[in-house]
């Protein structure tokens, strides 16, 4: 079963994209919660949750949880960089083996 060049690029590209998104997700959540809290006039920090009313509900605890998820990025970003390096190595090895088999 032969894999054409477009399919190979799509498969490796999707995995690269997934690794980047998963590595950056905690930072995206923290930044997003901070921007959202600021836009509705609420305070968010990692010290404690503050009451924040949005559409009649208190979302202070949720915003605090999402903001604190940013600390998890200290682990996911380096792990994502290592995963990208490993996946790039797999891609290069795949291309070399494919070239040698022709």
PDB file of N, CA and C in Angstrom:
ATOM      1  N   UNK A   1       0.840  -1.169   0.000  1.00  0.00           N
ATOM      2  CA  UNK A   1       0.000   0.000   0.000  1.00  0.00           C
ATOM      3  C   UNK A   1       0.890   1.239   0.000  1.00  0.00           C
ATOM      4  N   UNK A   2       0.827   1.996  -1.031  1.00  0.00           N
ATOM      5  CA  UNK A   2       1.662   3.189  -1.162  1.00  0.00           C
ATOM      6  C   UNK A   2       0.938   4.399  -0.582  1.00  0.00           C
ATOM      7  N   UNK A   3       1.716   5.216   0.110  1.00  0.00           N
ATOM      8  CA  UNK A   3       1.181   6.453   0.665  1.00  0.00           C
ATOM      9  C   UNK A   3       1.717   7.595  -0.178  1.00  0.00           C
ATOM     10  N   UNK A   4       0.825   8.385  -0.730  1.00  0.00           N
ATOM     11  CA  UNK A   4       1.302   9.489  -1.551  1.00  0.00           C
ATOM     12  C   UNK A   4       1.828  10.621  -0.672  1.00  0.00           C
ATOM     13  N   UNK A   5       2.556  11.536  -1.296  1.00  0.00           N
ATOM     14  CA  UNK A   5       3.226  12.617  -0.569  1.00  0.00           C
ATOM     15  C   UNK A   5       2.238  13.506   0.189  1.00  0.00           C
ATOM     16  N   UNK A   6       1.076  13.801  -0.388  1.00  0.00           N
ATOM     17  CA  UNK A   6       0.086  14.645   0.265  1.00  0.00           C
ATOM     18  C   UNK A   6      -0.475  14.005   1.525  1.00  0.00           C
ATOM     19  N   UNK A   7      -0.730  12.719   1.458  1.00  0.00           N
ATOM     20  CA  UNK A   7      -1.248  12.001   2.609  1.00  0.00           C
ATOM     21  C   UNK A   7      -0.216  11.951   3.729  1.00  0.00           C
ATOM     22  N   UNK A   8       1.040  11.752   3.377  1.00  0.00           N
ATOM     23  CA  UNK A   8       2.113  11.720   4.370  1.00  0.00           C
ATOM     24  C   UNK A   8       2.248  13.075   5.057  1.00  0.00           C
ATOM     25  N   UNK A   9       2.220  14.135   4.269  1.00  0.00           N
ATOM     26  CA  UNK A   9       2.318  15.475   4.839  1.00  0.00           C
ATOM     27  C   UNK A   9       1.119  15.775   5.729  1.00  0.00           C
ATOM     28  N   UNK A  10      -0.061  15.336   5.332  1.00  0.00           N
ATOM     29  CA  UNK A  10      -1.262  15.567   6.129  1.00  0.00           C
ATOM     30  C   UNK A  10      -1.175  14.844   7.467  1.00  0.00           C
ATOM     31  N   UNK A  11      -0.757  13.590   7.435  1.00  0.00           N
ATOM     32  CA  UNK A  11      -0.670  12.809   8.675  1.00  0.00           C
ATOM     33  C   UNK A  11       0.353  13.406   9.636  1.00  0.00           C
ATOM     34  N   UNK A  12       1.539  13.686   9.148  1.00  0.00           N
ATOM     35  CA  UNK A  12       2.564  14.264  10.018  1.00  0.00           C
ATOM     36  C   UNK A  12       2.172  15.672  10.455  1.00  0.00           C
ATOM     37  N   UNK A  13       1.551  16.425   9.568  1.00  0.00           N
ATOM     38  CA  UNK A  13       1.124  17.779   9.905  1.00  0.00           C
ATOM     39  C   UNK A  13       0.066  17.800  10.987  1.00  0.00           C
ATOM     40  N   UNK A  14      -0.886  16.877  10.917  1.00  0.00           N
ATOM     41  CA  UNK A  14      -1.925  16.814  11.942  1.00  0.00           C
ATOM     42  C   UNK A  14      -1.350  16.479  13.310  1.00  0.00           C
ATOM     43  N   UNK A  15      -0.386  15.579  13.347  1.00  0.00           N
ATOM     44  CA  UNK A  15       0.240  15.228  14.625  1.00  0.00           C
ATOM     45  C   UNK A  15       1.044  16.408  15.164  1.00  0.00           C
ATOM     46  N   UNK A  16       1.785  17.102  14.290  1.00  0.00           N
ATOM     47  CA  UNK A  16       2.506  18.300  14.724  1.00  0.00           C
ATOM     48  C   UNK A  16       1.532  19.319  15.312  1.00  0.00           C
ATOM     49  N   UNK A  17       0.418  19.552  14.633  1.00  0.00           N
ATOM     50  CA  UNK A  17      -0.582  20.514  15.090  1.00  0.00           C
ATOM     51  C   UNK A  17      -1.158  20.093  16.438  1.00  0.00           C
ATOM     52  N   UNK A  18      -1.465  18.817  16.593  1.00  0.00           N
ATOM     53  CA  UNK A  18      -2.017  18.313  17.858  1.00  0.00           C
ATOM     54  C   UNK A  18      -1.025  18.488  19.002  1.00  0.00           C
ATOM     55  N   UNK A  19       0.252  18.215  18.747  1.00  0.00           N
ATOM     56  CA  UNK A  19       1.274  18.383  19.785  1.00  0.00           C
ATOM     57  C   UNK A  19       1.358  19.839  20.211  1.00  0.00           C
ATOM     58  N   UNK A  20       1.370  20.753  19.249  1.00  0.00           N
ATOM     59  CA  UNK A  20       1.474  22.182  19.568  1.00  0.00           C
ATOM     60  C   UNK A  20       0.262  22.636  20.372  1.00  0.00           C
ATOM     61  N   UNK A  21      -0.931  22.250  19.957  1.00  0.00           N
ATOM     62  CA  UNK A  21      -2.147  22.657  20.667  1.00  0.00           C
ATOM     63  C   UNK A  21      -2.159  22.107  22.087  1.00  0.00           C
ATOM     64  N   UNK A  22      -1.835  20.831  22.259  1.00  0.00           N
ATOM     65  CA  UNK A  22      -1.839  20.239  23.594  1.00  0.00           C
ATOM     66  C   UNK A  22      -0.774  20.862  24.489  1.00  0.00           C
ATOM     67  N   UNK A  23       0.365  21.208  23.917  1.00  0.00           N
ATOM     68  CA  UNK A  23       1.432  21.822  24.715  1.00  0.00           C
ATOM     69  C   UNK A  23       1.053  23.229  25.156  1.00  0.00           C
ATOM     70  N   UNK A  24       0.354  23.959  24.313  1.00  0.00           N
ATOM     71  CA  UNK A  24       0.009  25.349  24.620  1.00  0.00           C
ATOM     72  C   UNK A  24      -1.345  25.523  25.300  1.00  0.00           C
ATOM     73  N   UNK A  25      -2.140  24.463  25.382  1.00  0.00           N
ATOM     74  CA  UNK A  25      -3.497  24.579  25.911  1.00  0.00           C
ATOM     75  C   UNK A  25      -3.573  25.182  27.313  1.00  0.00           C
ATOM     76  N   UNK A  26      -2.754  24.769  28.276  1.00  0.00           N
ATOM     77  CA  UNK A  26      -2.850  25.411  29.594  1.00  0.00           C
ATOM     78  C   UNK A  26      -2.560  26.911  29.556  1.00  0.00           C
ATOM     79  N   UNK A  27      -1.601  27.329  28.763  1.00  0.00           N
ATOM     80  CA  UNK A  27      -1.304  28.756  28.645  1.00  0.00           C
ATOM     81  C   UNK A  27      -2.442  29.489  27.961  1.00  0.00           C
ATOM     82  N   UNK A  28      -3.046  28.871  26.953  1.00  0.00           N
ATOM     83  CA  UNK A  28      -4.182  29.481  26.261  1.00  0.00           C
ATOM     84  C   UNK A  28      -5.360  29.646  27.225  1.00  0.00           C
ATOM     85  N   UNK A  29      -5.614  28.630  28.048  1.00  0.00           N
ATOM     86  CA  UNK A  29      -6.706  28.717  29.017  1.00  0.00           C
ATOM     87  C   UNK A  29      -6.454  29.824  30.037  1.00  0.00           C
ATOM     88  N   UNK A  30      -5.227  29.938  30.520  1.00  0.00           N
ATOM     89  CA  UNK A  30      -4.906  30.967  31.513  1.00  0.00           C
ATOM     90  C   UNK A  30      -5.052  32.363  30.919  1.00  0.00           C
ATOM     91  N   UNK A  31      -4.525  32.556  29.740  1.00  0.00           N
ATOM     92  CA  UNK A  31      -4.626  33.868  29.090  1.00  0.00           C
ATOM     93  C   UNK A  31      -6.076  34.181  28.747  1.00  0.00           C
ATOM     94  N   UNK A  32      -6.794  33.189  28.262  1.00  0.00           N
ATOM     95  CA  UNK A  32      -8.204  33.388  27.916  1.00  0.00           C
ATOM     96  C   UNK A  32      -9.053  33.737  29.128  1.00  0.00           C
ATOM     97  N   UNK A  33      -8.819  33.062  30.251  1.00  0.00           N
ATOM     98  CA  UNK A  33      -9.601  33.376  31.453  1.00  0.00           C
ATOM     99  C   UNK A  33      -9.273  34.771  31.965  1.00  0.00           C
ATOM    100  N   UNK A  34      -8.028  35.167  31.858  1.00  0.00           N
ATOM    101  CA  UNK A  34      -7.633  36.511  32.282  1.00  0.00           C
ATOM    102  C   UNK A  34      -8.279  37.580  31.403  1.00  0.00           C
ATOM    103  N   UNK A  35      -8.251  37.367  30.100  1.00  0.00           N
ATOM    104  CA  UNK A  35      -8.867  38.327  29.174  1.00  0.00           C
ATOM    105  C   UNK A  35     -10.379  38.395  29.391  1.00  0.00           C
ATOM    106  N   UNK A  36     -11.014  37.226  29.558  1.00  0.00           N
ATOM    107  CA  UNK A  36     -12.461  37.200  29.769  1.00  0.00           C
ATOM    108  C   UNK A  36     -12.828  37.896  31.074  1.00  0.00           C
ATOM    109  N   UNK A  37     -12.093  37.597  32.154  1.00  0.00           N
ATOM    110  CA  UNK A  37     -12.378  38.231  33.443  1.00  0.00           C
ATOM    111  C   UNK A  37     -12.202  39.735  33.356  1.00  0.00           C
ATOM    112  N   UNK A  38     -11.177  40.176  32.658  1.00  0.00           N
ATOM    113  CA  UNK A  38     -10.949  41.611  32.505  1.00  0.00           C
ATOM    114  C   UNK A  38     -12.067  42.267  31.693  1.00  0.00           C
ATOM    115  N   UNK A  39     -12.563  41.552  30.698  1.00  0.00           N
ATOM    116  CA  UNK A  39     -13.602  42.129  29.842  1.00  0.00           C
ATOM    117  C   UNK A  39     -14.939  42.277  30.562  1.00  0.00           C
ATOM    118  N   UNK A  40     -15.200  41.452  31.576  1.00  0.00           N
ATOM    119  CA  UNK A  40     -16.460  41.584  32.317  1.00  0.00           C
ATOM    120  C   UNK A  40     -16.250  42.274  33.668  1.00  0.00           C
ATOM    121  N   UNK A  41     -15.040  42.789  33.895  1.00  0.00           N
ATOM    122  CA  UNK A  41     -14.768  43.568  35.090  1.00  0.00           C
ATOM    123  C   UNK A  41     -14.540  42.774  36.348  1.00  0.00           C
ATOM    124  N   UNK A  42     -13.993  41.581  36.216  1.00  0.00           N
ATOM    125  CA  UNK A  42     -13.721  40.738  37.381  1.00  0.00           C
ATOM    126  C   UNK A  42     -12.220  40.648  37.621  1.00  0.00           C
ATOM    127  N   UNK A  43     -11.882  40.284  38.844  1.00  0.00           N
ATOM    128  CA  UNK A  43     -10.478  40.102  39.201  1.00  0.00           C
ATOM    129  C   UNK A  43     -10.176  38.610  39.229  1.00  0.00           C
ATOM    130  N   UNK A  44      -9.034  38.236  38.661  1.00  0.00           N
ATOM    131  CA  UNK A  44      -8.607  36.844  38.694  1.00  0.00           C
ATOM    132  C   UNK A  44      -7.119  36.815  39.009  1.00  0.00           C
ATOM    133  N   UNK A  45      -6.756  35.975  39.964  1.00  0.00           N
ATOM    134  CA  UNK A  45      -5.351  35.758  40.296  1.00  0.00           C
ATOM    135  C   UNK A  45      -5.201  34.362  40.882  1.00  0.00           C
ATOM    136  N   UNK A  46      -3.945  33.942  41.065  1.00  0.00           N
ATOM    137  CA  UNK A  46      -3.730  32.587  41.544  1.00  0.00           C
ATOM    138  C   UNK A  46      -3.826  32.475  43.061  1.00  0.00           C
ATOM    139  N   UNK A  47      -3.941  33.603  43.757  1.00  0.00           N
ATOM    140  CA  UNK A  47      -4.005  33.589  45.216  1.00  0.00           C
ATOM    141  C   UNK A  47      -5.298  33.000  45.749  1.00  0.00           C
ATOM    142  N   UNK A  48      -6.418  33.435  45.207  1.00  0.00           N
ATOM    143  CA  UNK A  48      -7.714  32.934  45.646  1.00  0.00           C
ATOM    144  C   UNK A  48      -8.754  33.290  44.590  1.00  0.00           C
ATOM    145  N   UNK A  49      -9.904  32.661  44.706  1.00  0.00           N
ATOM    146  CA  UNK A  49     -10.960  33.000  43.751  1.00  0.00           C
ATOM    147  C   UNK A  49     -11.747  34.189  44.294  1.00  0.00           C
ATOM    148  N   UNK A  50     -12.187  35.028  43.398  1.00  0.00           N
ATOM    149  CA  UNK A  50     -12.964  36.204  43.746  1.00  0.00           C
ATOM    150  C   UNK A  50     -14.345  36.066  43.120  1.00  0.00           C
ATOM    151  N   UNK A  51     -15.371  36.568  43.804  1.00  0.00           N
ATOM    152  CA  UNK A  51     -16.715  36.482  43.223  1.00  0.00           C
ATOM    153  C   UNK A  51     -16.774  37.223  41.887  1.00  0.00           C
ATOM    154  N   UNK A  52     -17.402  36.599  40.921  1.00  0.00           N
ATOM    155  CA  UNK A  52     -17.521  37.192  39.592  1.00  0.00           C
ATOM    156  C   UNK A  52     -18.861  36.753  39.006  1.00  0.00           C
ATOM    157  N   UNK A  53     -19.765  37.689  38.905  1.00  0.00           N
ATOM    158  CA  UNK A  53     -21.084  37.370  38.375  1.00  0.00           C
ATOM    159  C   UNK A  53     -21.109  37.556  36.861  1.00  0.00           C
ATOM    160  N   UNK A  54     -21.592  36.530  36.188  1.00  0.00           N
ATOM    161  CA  UNK A  54     -21.750  36.572  34.741  1.00  0.00           C
ATOM    162  C   UNK A  54     -23.063  35.886  34.414  1.00  0.00           C
ATOM    163  N   UNK A  55     -23.991  36.634  33.854  1.00  0.00           N
ATOM    164  CA  UNK A  55     -25.315  36.138  33.487  1.00  0.00           C
ATOM    165  C   UNK A  55     -26.014  35.488  34.688  1.00  0.00           C
ATOM    166  N   UNK A  56     -25.858  36.084  35.865  1.00  0.00           N
ATOM    167  CA  UNK A  56     -26.536  35.602  37.055  1.00  0.00           C
ATOM    168  C   UNK A  56     -25.855  34.469  37.787  1.00  0.00           C
ATOM    169  N   UNK A  57     -24.711  34.037  37.331  1.00  0.00           N
ATOM    170  CA  UNK A  57     -23.994  32.941  37.986  1.00  0.00           C
ATOM    171  C   UNK A  57     -22.613  33.414  38.413  1.00  0.00           C
ATOM    172  N   UNK A  58     -22.143  32.850  39.529  1.00  0.00           N
ATOM    173  CA  UNK A  58     -20.797  33.159  39.994  1.00  0.00           C
ATOM    174  C   UNK A  58     -19.811  32.219  39.297  1.00  0.00           C
ATOM    175  N   UNK A  59     -18.949  32.789  38.451  1.00  0.00           N
ATOM    176  CA  UNK A  59     -17.971  31.979  37.724  1.00  0.00           C
ATOM    177  C   UNK A  59     -16.551  32.237  38.231  1.00  0.00           C
ATOM    178  N   UNK A  60     -16.429  32.817  39.417  1.00  0.00           N
ATOM    179  CA  UNK A  60     -15.120  33.134  39.979  1.00  0.00           C
ATOM    180  C   UNK A  60     -14.246  31.909  40.174  1.00  0.00           C
ATOM    181  N   UNK A  61     -14.832  30.823  40.685  1.00  0.00           N
ATOM    182  CA  UNK A  61     -14.049  29.600  40.896  1.00  0.00           C
ATOM    183  C   UNK A  61     -13.559  29.011  39.568  1.00  0.00           C
ATOM    184  N   UNK A  62     -14.419  29.034  38.573  1.00  0.00           N
ATOM    185  CA  UNK A  62     -14.038  28.503  37.256  1.00  0.00           C
ATOM    186  C   UNK A  62     -12.924  29.333  36.637  1.00  0.00           C
ATOM    187  N   UNK A  63     -13.052  30.659  36.707  1.00  0.00           N
ATOM    188  CA  UNK A  63     -12.002  31.524  36.167  1.00  0.00           C
ATOM    189  C   UNK A  63     -10.689  31.321  36.912  1.00  0.00           C
ATOM    190  N   UNK A  64     -10.778  31.149  38.232  1.00  0.00           N
ATOM    191  CA  UNK A  64      -9.572  30.908  39.019  1.00  0.00           C
ATOM    192  C   UNK A  64      -8.911  29.594  38.614  1.00  0.00           C
ATOM    193  N   UNK A  65      -9.720  28.544  38.446  1.00  0.00           N
ATOM    194  CA  UNK A  65      -9.177  27.249  38.031  1.00  0.00           C
ATOM    195  C   UNK A  65      -8.485  27.348  36.673  1.00  0.00           C
ATOM    196  N   UNK A  66      -9.127  28.001  35.723  1.00  0.00           N
ATOM    197  CA  UNK A  66      -8.539  28.137  34.387  1.00  0.00           C
ATOM    198  C   UNK A  66      -7.264  28.971  34.423  1.00  0.00           C
ATOM    199  N   UNK A  67      -7.243  29.999  35.268  1.00  0.00           N
ATOM    200  CA  UNK A  67      -6.063  30.841  35.375  1.00  0.00           C
ATOM    201  C   UNK A  67      -4.891  30.063  35.981  1.00  0.00           C
ATOM    202  N   UNK A  68      -5.163  29.264  36.989  1.00  0.00           N
ATOM    203  CA  UNK A  68      -4.109  28.482  37.634  1.00  0.00           C
ATOM    204  C   UNK A  68      -3.596  27.372  36.714  1.00  0.00           C
ATOM    205  N   UNK A  69      -4.399  26.971  35.725  1.00  0.00           N
ATOM    206  CA  UNK A  69      -3.930  25.981  34.753  1.00  0.00           C
ATOM    207  C   UNK A  69      -2.687  26.461  34.007  1.00  0.00           C
ATOM    208  N   UNK A  70      -2.455  27.765  33.992  1.00  0.00           N
ATOM    209  CA  UNK A  70      -1.261  28.308  33.351  1.00  0.00           C
ATOM    210  C   UNK A  70       0.026  27.756  33.934  1.00  0.00           C
ATOM    211  N   UNK A  71       0.009  27.418  35.226  1.00  0.00           N
ATOM    212  CA  UNK A  71       1.206  26.837  35.836  1.00  0.00           C
ATOM    213  C   UNK A  71       1.519  25.459  35.240  1.00  0.00           C
ATOM    214  N   UNK A  72       0.509  24.772  34.785  1.00  0.00           N
ATOM    215  CA  UNK A  72       0.711  23.461  34.161  1.00  0.00           C
ATOM    216  C   UNK A  72       1.514  23.593  32.865  1.00  0.00           C
ATOM    217  N   UNK A  73       1.479  24.785  32.270  1.00  0.00           N
ATOM    218  CA  UNK A  73       2.233  25.023  31.038  1.00  0.00           C
ATOM    219  C   UNK A  73       3.740  24.906  31.267  1.00  0.00           C
ATOM    220  N   UNK A  74       4.178  25.069  32.515  1.00  0.00           N
ATOM    221  CA  UNK A  74       5.604  24.881  32.810  1.00  0.00           C
ATOM    222  C   UNK A  74       6.052  23.449  32.528  1.00  0.00           C
ATOM    223  N   UNK A  75       5.112  22.526  32.513  1.00  0.00           N
ATOM    224  CA  UNK A  75       5.440  21.136  32.177  1.00  0.00           C
ATOM    225  C   UNK A  75       5.068  20.800  30.741  1.00  0.00           C
ATOM    226  N   UNK A  76       3.938  21.314  30.263  1.00  0.00           N
ATOM    227  CA  UNK A  76       3.471  20.893  28.945  1.00  0.00           C
ATOM    228  C   UNK A  76       4.269  21.511  27.802  1.00  0.00           C
ATOM    229  N   UNK A  77       4.763  22.728  27.967  1.00  0.00           N
ATOM    230  CA  UNK A  77       5.517  23.348  26.874  1.00  0.00           C
ATOM    231  C   UNK A  77       6.848  22.636  26.645  1.00  0.00           C
ATOM    232  N   UNK A  78       7.666  22.373  27.695  1.00  0.00           N
ATOM    233  CA  UNK A  78       8.885  21.599  27.439  1.00  0.00           C
ATOM    234  C   UNK A  78       8.602  20.179  26.939  1.00  0.00           C
ATOM    235  N   UNK A  79       7.549  19.555  27.472  1.00  0.00           N
ATOM    236  CA  UNK A  79       7.199  18.209  26.999  1.00  0.00           C
ATOM    237  C   UNK A  79       6.759  18.258  25.536  1.00  0.00           C
ATOM    238  N   UNK A  80       6.035  19.298  25.163  1.00  0.00           N
ATOM    239  CA  UNK A  80       5.623  19.459  23.770  1.00  0.00           C
ATOM    240  C   UNK A  80       6.809  19.700  22.855  1.00  0.00           C
ATOM    241  N   UNK A  81       7.785  20.474  23.327  1.00  0.00           N
ATOM    242  CA  UNK A  81       8.994  20.708  22.529  1.00  0.00           C
ATOM    243  C   UNK A  81       9.754  19.400  22.316  1.00  0.00           C
ATOM    244  N   UNK A  82       9.835  18.585  23.364  1.00  0.00           N
ATOM    245  CA  UNK A  82      10.500  17.284  23.235  1.00  0.00           C
ATOM    246  C   UNK A  82       9.723  16.375  22.283  1.00  0.00           C
ATOM    247  N   UNK A  83       8.405  16.400  22.383  1.00  0.00           N
ATOM    248  CA  UNK A  83       7.581  15.580  21.490  1.00  0.00           C
ATOM    249  C   UNK A  83       7.720  16.041  20.041  1.00  0.00           C
ATOM    250  N   UNK A  84       7.808  17.362  19.820  1.00  0.00           N
ATOM    251  CA  UNK A  84       8.006  17.867  18.460  1.00  0.00           C
ATOM    252  C   UNK A  84       9.363  17.445  17.914  1.00  0.00           C
ATOM    253  N   UNK A  85      10.386  17.491  18.742  1.00  0.00           N
ATOM    254  CA  UNK A  85      11.717  17.063  18.306  1.00  0.00           C
ATOM    255  C   UNK A  85      11.712  15.569  17.954  1.00  0.00           C
ATOM    256  N   UNK A  86      11.069  14.779  18.789  1.00  0.00           N
ATOM    257  CA  UNK A  86      10.983  13.344  18.526  1.00  0.00           C
ATOM    258  C   UNK A  86      10.186  13.074  17.253  1.00  0.00           C
ATOM    259  N   UNK A  87       9.071  13.773  17.080  1.00  0.00           N
ATOM    260  CA  UNK A  87       8.249  13.558  15.894  1.00  0.00           C
ATOM    261  C   UNK A  87       8.966  14.019  14.627  1.00  0.00           C
ATOM    262  N   UNK A  88       9.738  15.086  14.726  1.00  0.00           N
ATOM    263  CA  UNK A  88      10.534  15.535  13.575  1.00  0.00           C
ATOM    264  C   UNK A  88      11.586  14.489  13.228  1.00  0.00           C
ATOM    265  N   UNK A  89      12.164  13.861  14.248  1.00  0.00           N
ATOM    266  CA  UNK A  89      13.135  12.793  13.997  1.00  0.00           C
ATOM    267  C   UNK A  89      12.481  11.610  13.308  1.00  0.00           C
ATOM    268  N   UNK A  90      11.268  11.273  13.736  1.00  0.00           N
ATOM    269  CA  UNK A  90      10.538  10.173  13.102  1.00  0.00           C
ATOM    270  C   UNK A  90      10.243  10.516  11.645  1.00  0.00           C
ATOM    271  N   UNK A  91       9.864  11.759  11.382  1.00  0.00           N
ATOM    272  CA  UNK A  91       9.590  12.185  10.009  1.00  0.00           C
ATOM    273  C   UNK A  91      10.831  12.089   9.143  1.00  0.00           C
ATOM    274  N   UNK A  92      11.959  12.588   9.650  1.00  0.00           N
ATOM    275  CA  UNK A  92      13.209  12.528   8.878  1.00  0.00           C
ATOM    276  C   UNK A  92      13.605  11.071   8.620  1.00  0.00           C
ATOM    277  N   UNK A  93      13.504  10.238   9.642  1.00  0.00           N
ATOM    278  CA  UNK A  93      13.830   8.818   9.468  1.00  0.00           C
ATOM    279  C   UNK A  93      12.898   8.166   8.449  1.00  0.00           C
ATOM    280  N   UNK A  94      11.626   8.494   8.511  1.00  0.00           N
ATOM    281  CA  UNK A  94      10.662   7.948   7.554  1.00  0.00           C
ATOM    282  C   UNK A  94      11.028   8.363   6.125  1.00  0.00           C
ATOM    283  N   UNK A  95      11.365   9.639   5.944  1.00  0.00           N
ATOM    284  CA  UNK A  95      11.725  10.119   4.613  1.00  0.00           C
ATOM    285  C   UNK A  95      13.018   9.474   4.110  1.00  0.00           C
ATOM    286  N   UNK A  96      13.995   9.289   4.996  1.00  0.00           N
ATOM    287  CA  UNK A  96      15.251   8.638   4.594  1.00  0.00           C
ATOM    288  C   UNK A  96      14.994   7.192   4.192  1.00  0.00           C
ATOM    289  N   UNK A  97      14.239   6.457   5.006  1.00  0.00           N
ATOM    290  CA  UNK A  97      13.943   5.063   4.677  1.00  0.00           C
ATOM    291  C   UNK A  97      13.124   4.950   3.398  1.00  0.00           C
ATOM    292  N   UNK A  98      12.241   5.888   3.198  1.00  0.00           N
ATOM    293  CA  UNK A  98      11.450   5.888   1.976  1.00  0.00           C
ATOM    294  C   UNK A  98      12.321   6.140   0.748  1.00  0.00           C
ATOM    295  N   UNK A  99      13.282   7.056   0.897  1.00  0.00           N
ATOM    296  CA  UNK A  99      14.201   7.376  -0.208  1.00  0.00           C
ATOM    297  C   UNK A  99      15.106   6.163  -0.513  1.00  0.00           C
ATOM    298  N   UNK A 100      15.565   5.479   0.531  1.00  0.00           N
ATOM    299  CA  UNK A 100      16.445   4.317   0.323  1.00  0.00           C
ATOM    300  C   UNK A 100      15.718   3.134  -0.263  1.00  0.00           C
ATOM    301  N   UNK A 101      14.418   3.019  -0.021  1.00  0.00           N
ATOM    302  CA  UNK A 101      13.682   1.875  -0.550  1.00  0.00           C
ATOM    303  C   UNK A 101      13.360   2.017  -2.034  1.00  0.00           C
ATOM    304  N   UNK A 102      13.531   3.188  -2.597  1.00  0.00           N
ATOM    305  CA  UNK A 102      13.235   3.401  -4.020  1.00  0.00           C
ATOM    306  C   UNK A 102      14.341   2.946  -4.895  1.00  0.00           C
TER     307      UNK A 102
END
